[in-house]
Amino acid sequence: MTGDKNNVWDAVARYASVAMLLPASAFVGYAIGYGLDRFFSKRFFGVTFLLLGVASGLVQVIRELSNDAPKKDAPKKDASK
């Protein structure tokens, strides 16, 4: 029974971190863009890096969730030949 509880809490922790990936990536991207906006006195870096942060967050979420997806076994070759 304790193994089931550990698996549940491991899954909760894993999916909670996945839920935080996208907002964290967007925030980091915007923060970098904001800093570059201030440094170069331009206005487009914030939006550009926000979009890059969102894109990188989506890629990471897809990677994390695809690792958890059940994998299909490769077709077995006939060993009798």
N, C-alpha and C. Protein backbone atom coordinates (compact mmCIF):
# COMPACT_ATOMS: atom_id res chain seq x y z
N MET A 1 0.82 -1.20 0.00
CA MET A 1 0.00 0.00 0.00
C MET A 1 0.86 1.26 0.00
N THR A 2 1.99 1.22 0.68
CA THR A 2 2.83 2.41 0.71
C THR A 2 3.42 2.71 -0.66
N GLY A 3 3.64 1.68 -1.46
CA GLY A 3 4.15 1.91 -2.81
C GLY A 3 3.16 2.68 -3.66
N ASP A 4 1.86 2.40 -3.48
CA ASP A 4 0.83 3.13 -4.22
C ASP A 4 0.79 4.59 -3.81
N LYS A 5 0.93 4.84 -2.51
CA LYS A 5 0.92 6.23 -2.05
C LYS A 5 2.11 7.00 -2.61
N ASN A 6 3.27 6.36 -2.61
CA ASN A 6 4.44 7.02 -3.15
C ASN A 6 4.26 7.31 -4.63
N ASN A 7 3.67 6.38 -5.38
CA ASN A 7 3.44 6.60 -6.80
C ASN A 7 2.48 7.75 -7.02
N VAL A 8 1.46 7.86 -6.19
CA VAL A 8 0.49 8.95 -6.32
C VAL A 8 1.17 10.29 -6.08
N TRP A 9 1.96 10.35 -5.01
CA TRP A 9 2.61 11.63 -4.70
C TRP A 9 3.71 11.95 -5.71
N ASP A 10 4.35 10.94 -6.24
CA ASP A 10 5.32 11.19 -7.31
C ASP A 10 4.63 11.77 -8.54
N ALA A 11 3.47 11.23 -8.86
CA ALA A 11 2.72 11.74 -10.01
C ALA A 11 2.22 13.16 -9.76
N VAL A 12 1.76 13.43 -8.55
CA VAL A 12 1.31 14.78 -8.21
C VAL A 12 2.47 15.77 -8.35
N ALA A 13 3.63 15.40 -7.83
CA ALA A 13 4.79 16.29 -7.93
C ALA A 13 5.21 16.50 -9.38
N ARG A 14 5.20 15.43 -10.17
CA ARG A 14 5.61 15.53 -11.57
C ARG A 14 4.66 16.44 -12.35
N TYR A 15 3.36 16.23 -12.17
CA TYR A 15 2.39 17.02 -12.94
C TYR A 15 2.28 18.45 -12.42
N ALA A 16 2.55 18.67 -11.15
CA ALA A 16 2.58 20.04 -10.63
C ALA A 16 3.75 20.81 -11.24
N SER A 17 4.88 20.14 -11.41
CA SER A 17 6.02 20.81 -12.03
C SER A 17 5.74 21.07 -13.51
N VAL A 18 5.02 20.16 -14.17
CA VAL A 18 4.64 20.37 -15.56
C VAL A 18 3.71 21.58 -15.67
N ALA A 19 2.80 21.72 -14.70
CA ALA A 19 1.87 22.84 -14.71
C ALA A 19 2.59 24.18 -14.52
N MET A 20 3.73 24.16 -13.86
CA MET A 20 4.47 25.39 -13.63
C MET A 20 5.46 25.72 -14.75
N LEU A 21 5.70 24.79 -15.65
CA LEU A 21 6.67 25.02 -16.72
C LEU A 21 6.29 26.17 -17.63
N LEU A 22 5.06 26.19 -18.10
CA LEU A 22 4.64 27.20 -19.06
C LEU A 22 4.64 28.61 -18.47
N PRO A 23 4.03 28.85 -17.30
CA PRO A 23 4.09 30.20 -16.75
C PRO A 23 5.52 30.64 -16.40
N ALA A 24 6.32 29.71 -15.90
CA ALA A 24 7.69 30.07 -15.55
C ALA A 24 8.50 30.43 -16.80
N SER A 25 8.33 29.67 -17.86
CA SER A 25 9.04 29.96 -19.10
C SER A 25 8.60 31.30 -19.69
N ALA A 26 7.31 31.57 -19.65
CA ALA A 26 6.81 32.84 -20.15
C ALA A 26 7.36 34.01 -19.32
N PHE A 27 7.39 33.83 -18.00
CA PHE A 27 7.91 34.89 -17.14
C PHE A 27 9.39 35.15 -17.39
N VAL A 28 10.17 34.08 -17.50
CA VAL A 28 11.61 34.24 -17.75
C VAL A 28 11.84 34.90 -19.11
N GLY A 29 11.09 34.48 -20.12
CA GLY A 29 11.22 35.09 -21.44
C GLY A 29 10.89 36.57 -21.40
N TYR A 30 9.79 36.92 -20.72
CA TYR A 30 9.43 38.34 -20.63
C TYR A 30 10.45 39.13 -19.82
N ALA A 31 10.98 38.54 -18.75
CA ALA A 31 11.97 39.23 -17.93
C ALA A 31 13.23 39.53 -18.74
N ILE A 32 13.67 38.57 -19.54
CA ILE A 32 14.84 38.81 -20.40
C ILE A 32 14.52 39.90 -21.41
N GLY A 33 13.35 39.82 -22.03
CA GLY A 33 12.95 40.85 -22.99
C GLY A 33 12.82 42.22 -22.36
N TYR A 34 12.27 42.28 -21.15
CA TYR A 34 12.14 43.55 -20.44
C TYR A 34 13.51 44.15 -20.16
N GLY A 35 14.44 43.30 -19.73
CA GLY A 35 15.80 43.79 -19.48
C GLY A 35 16.45 44.32 -20.74
N LEU A 36 16.26 43.62 -21.85
CA LEU A 36 16.82 44.09 -23.11
C LEU A 36 16.12 45.36 -23.59
N ASP A 37 14.81 45.48 -23.34
CA ASP A 37 14.08 46.71 -23.66
C ASP A 37 14.68 47.89 -22.91
N ARG A 38 14.92 47.69 -21.64
CA ARG A 38 15.49 48.78 -20.83
C ARG A 38 16.92 49.11 -21.26
N PHE A 39 17.69 48.08 -21.59
CA PHE A 39 19.09 48.30 -21.96
C PHE A 39 19.22 49.01 -23.30
N PHE A 40 18.44 48.59 -24.29
CA PHE A 40 18.55 49.14 -25.64
C PHE A 40 17.52 50.24 -25.94
N SER A 41 16.66 50.57 -24.99
CA SER A 41 15.60 51.57 -25.16
C SER A 41 14.71 51.26 -26.37
N LYS A 42 14.37 50.01 -26.50
CA LYS A 42 13.45 49.56 -27.56
C LYS A 42 12.21 49.00 -26.91
N ARG A 43 11.17 48.67 -27.71
CA ARG A 43 9.93 48.20 -27.14
C ARG A 43 9.52 46.81 -27.65
N PHE A 44 10.28 46.19 -28.52
CA PHE A 44 9.84 44.93 -29.11
C PHE A 44 10.48 43.70 -28.48
N PHE A 45 11.51 43.86 -27.69
CA PHE A 45 12.18 42.71 -27.09
C PHE A 45 11.27 41.98 -26.09
N GLY A 46 10.49 42.72 -25.33
CA GLY A 46 9.62 42.09 -24.34
C GLY A 46 8.63 41.13 -24.96
N VAL A 47 7.97 41.58 -26.02
CA VAL A 47 6.98 40.73 -26.69
C VAL A 47 7.67 39.56 -27.39
N THR A 48 8.80 39.83 -28.03
CA THR A 48 9.53 38.78 -28.75
C THR A 48 9.98 37.68 -27.80
N PHE A 49 10.58 38.06 -26.70
CA PHE A 49 11.07 37.06 -25.76
C PHE A 49 9.94 36.41 -24.97
N LEU A 50 8.83 37.12 -24.79
CA LEU A 50 7.65 36.49 -24.19
C LEU A 50 7.16 35.36 -25.08
N LEU A 51 7.07 35.61 -26.38
CA LEU A 51 6.65 34.56 -27.32
C LEU A 51 7.64 33.40 -27.36
N LEU A 52 8.93 33.72 -27.31
CA LEU A 52 9.94 32.66 -27.26
C LEU A 52 9.83 31.85 -25.97
N GLY A 53 9.54 32.51 -24.86
CA GLY A 53 9.36 31.81 -23.59
C GLY A 53 8.15 30.90 -23.61
N VAL A 54 7.06 31.38 -24.21
CA VAL A 54 5.85 30.55 -24.31
C VAL A 54 6.13 29.34 -25.20
N ALA A 55 6.81 29.57 -26.33
CA ALA A 55 7.13 28.46 -27.24
C ALA A 55 8.02 27.43 -26.56
N SER A 56 9.04 27.90 -25.84
CA SER A 56 9.92 26.94 -25.16
C SER A 56 9.18 26.22 -24.04
N GLY A 57 8.26 26.89 -23.37
CA GLY A 57 7.46 26.24 -22.34
C GLY A 57 6.57 25.16 -22.92
N LEU A 58 5.96 25.43 -24.06
CA LEU A 58 5.12 24.42 -24.72
C LEU A 58 5.94 23.21 -25.15
N VAL A 59 7.13 23.45 -25.67
CA VAL A 59 7.99 22.35 -26.07
C VAL A 59 8.34 21.48 -24.86
N GLN A 60 8.66 22.11 -23.74
CA GLN A 60 9.01 21.35 -22.54
C GLN A 60 7.82 20.58 -21.99
N VAL A 61 6.64 21.18 -22.02
CA VAL A 61 5.43 20.49 -21.54
C VAL A 61 5.17 19.26 -22.41
N ILE A 62 5.29 19.42 -23.72
CA ILE A 62 5.07 18.30 -24.63
C ILE A 62 6.10 17.21 -24.38
N ARG A 63 7.35 17.58 -24.17
CA ARG A 63 8.39 16.58 -23.88
C ARG A 63 8.10 15.82 -22.59
N GLU A 64 7.73 16.56 -21.55
CA GLU A 64 7.46 15.92 -20.26
C GLU A 64 6.26 14.97 -20.36
N LEU A 65 5.21 15.41 -21.02
CA LEU A 65 4.02 14.58 -21.12
C LEU A 65 4.23 13.39 -22.06
N SER A 66 5.06 13.56 -23.08
CA SER A 66 5.31 12.42 -23.98
C SER A 66 6.18 11.37 -23.29
N ASN A 67 6.99 11.76 -22.33
CA ASN A 67 7.76 10.78 -21.56
C ASN A 67 6.84 9.92 -20.70
N ASP A 68 5.70 10.48 -20.26
CA ASP A 68 4.77 9.74 -19.42
C ASP A 68 3.78 8.91 -20.22
N ALA A 69 3.68 9.16 -21.50
CA ALA A 69 2.71 8.43 -22.32
C ALA A 69 3.14 6.97 -22.43
N PRO A 70 2.18 6.06 -22.44
CA PRO A 70 2.54 4.65 -22.60
C PRO A 70 3.15 4.40 -23.97
N LYS A 71 4.23 3.68 -23.97
CA LYS A 71 4.94 3.42 -25.22
C LYS A 71 4.42 2.13 -25.83
N LYS A 72 4.22 2.15 -27.13
CA LYS A 72 3.79 0.95 -27.83
C LYS A 72 5.02 0.10 -28.12
N ASP A 73 4.89 -1.19 -27.91
CA ASP A 73 6.01 -2.09 -28.18
C ASP A 73 6.20 -2.21 -29.68
N ALA A 74 7.45 -2.33 -30.07
CA ALA A 74 7.76 -2.55 -31.48
C ALA A 74 7.27 -3.93 -31.87
N PRO A 75 6.84 -4.09 -33.12
CA PRO A 75 6.39 -5.42 -33.52
C PRO A 75 7.53 -6.43 -33.41
N LYS A 76 7.21 -7.60 -32.88
CA LYS A 76 8.22 -8.62 -32.70
C LYS A 76 8.43 -9.37 -33.99
N LYS A 77 9.70 -9.64 -34.26
CA LYS A 77 10.04 -10.38 -35.47
C LYS A 77 9.86 -11.87 -35.23
N ASP A 78 9.50 -12.57 -36.26
CA ASP A 78 9.30 -14.01 -36.15
C ASP A 78 10.66 -14.69 -36.07
N ALA A 79 10.94 -15.34 -34.95
CA ALA A 79 12.24 -15.96 -34.74
C ALA A 79 12.35 -17.34 -35.38
N SER A 80 11.26 -17.85 -35.92
CA SER A 80 11.30 -19.19 -36.47
C SER A 80 11.92 -19.23 -37.87
N LYS A 81 12.10 -18.11 -38.48
CA LYS A 81 12.67 -18.08 -39.85
C LYS A 81 14.16 -18.15 -39.84
